[in-house]
Amino acid sequence: MDNDHISLSLELDISGESLTGHARNGTGAARSFAGWLGLLGAIDALVAEKGGRASDDQDQSDGHPVDPTGEDHA
């Protein structure tokens, strides 16, 4: 089994209990997110992108994680 190493860069905006920001893996566009679950989704999508496979919850049209509430965080 080969081990891959991925470096991620995070920009976090914390206001009270609210968390928003952007995550990057250094090779593609930044992933915007809102909330802790959004951060996990962004990380999951970046890891999947770097590994050459699409994440199950990734919107294939624009590459952003799909928010189950339907809100656009791009």
Protein backbone atom coordinates (compact mmCIF):
# COMPACT_ATOMS: atom_id res chain seq x y z
CA MET A 1 0.00 0.00 0.00
CA ASP A 2 1.38 3.41 -1.01
CA ASN A 3 1.09 6.30 1.42
CA ASP A 4 0.16 9.67 -0.02
CA HIS A 5 0.78 12.92 1.85
CA ILE A 6 -1.47 15.91 1.31
CA SER A 7 -0.89 19.39 2.73
CA LEU A 8 -3.95 21.53 3.27
CA SER A 9 -4.18 25.24 3.92
CA LEU A 10 -7.10 26.66 5.92
CA GLU A 11 -8.40 30.21 6.26
CA LEU A 12 -10.81 30.32 9.20
CA ASP A 13 -13.19 33.15 10.07
CA ILE A 14 -14.59 32.64 13.56
CA SER A 15 -17.33 34.94 14.79
CA GLY A 16 -18.90 33.87 18.06
CA GLU A 17 -19.98 30.28 17.46
CA SER A 18 -20.00 30.67 13.66
CA LEU A 19 -17.21 29.22 11.51
CA THR A 20 -16.65 29.97 7.82
CA GLY A 21 -13.62 29.92 5.58
CA HIS A 22 -11.71 28.39 2.69
CA ALA A 23 -9.65 25.23 2.37
CA ARG A 24 -7.00 24.55 -0.28
CA ASN A 25 -4.81 21.61 -1.22
CA GLY A 26 -2.35 23.66 -3.27
CA THR A 27 -3.34 22.36 -6.70
CA GLY A 28 -6.96 23.38 -7.25
CA ALA A 29 -9.49 26.03 -6.44
CA ALA A 30 -10.26 26.90 -2.83
CA ARG A 31 -13.24 25.19 -1.23
CA SER A 32 -15.54 27.54 0.67
CA PHE A 33 -17.32 26.17 3.71
CA ALA A 34 -19.61 27.17 6.54
CA GLY A 35 -19.76 25.35 9.87
CA TRP A 36 -17.82 22.40 11.22
CA LEU A 37 -19.59 19.90 8.97
CA GLY A 38 -18.87 22.14 5.98
CA LEU A 39 -15.18 22.15 6.93
CA LEU A 40 -15.19 18.33 7.07
CA GLY A 41 -16.92 18.19 3.67
CA ALA A 42 -14.35 20.57 2.17
CA ILE A 43 -11.48 18.47 3.52
CA ASP A 44 -13.10 15.28 2.24
CA ALA A 45 -13.54 16.81 -1.24
CA LEU A 46 -9.93 18.06 -1.34
CA VAL A 47 -8.55 14.68 -0.31
CA ALA A 48 -10.72 12.95 -2.92
CA GLU A 49 -9.65 15.50 -5.57
CA LYS A 50 -5.96 15.02 -4.80
CA GLY A 51 -6.40 11.25 -4.94
CA GLY A 52 -8.02 11.48 -8.38
CA ARG A 53 -11.47 10.35 -7.31
CA ALA A 54 -14.67 12.34 -6.86
CA SER A 55 -16.26 12.54 -3.45
CA ASP A 56 -19.77 11.09 -3.17
CA ASP A 57 -21.20 14.38 -1.90
CA GLN A 58 -19.35 16.61 -4.35
CA ASP A 59 -21.33 18.57 -6.92
CA GLN A 60 -19.70 17.64 -10.23
CA SER A 61 -20.83 20.84 -11.97
CA ASP A 62 -18.70 23.28 -9.96
CA GLY A 63 -16.56 21.07 -7.71
CA HIS A 64 -17.99 22.44 -4.44
CA PRO A 65 -19.34 20.18 -1.72
CA VAL A 66 -23.10 19.87 -1.75
CA ASP A 67 -24.76 21.50 1.25
CA PRO A 68 -27.71 19.36 2.41
CA THR A 69 -29.64 22.57 3.27
CA GLY A 70 -29.43 23.69 -0.37
CA GLU A 71 -27.52 26.87 0.49
CA ASP A 72 -24.78 27.99 -1.88
CA HIS A 73 -21.55 28.65 0.04
CA ALA A 74 -19.36 29.13 -3.04
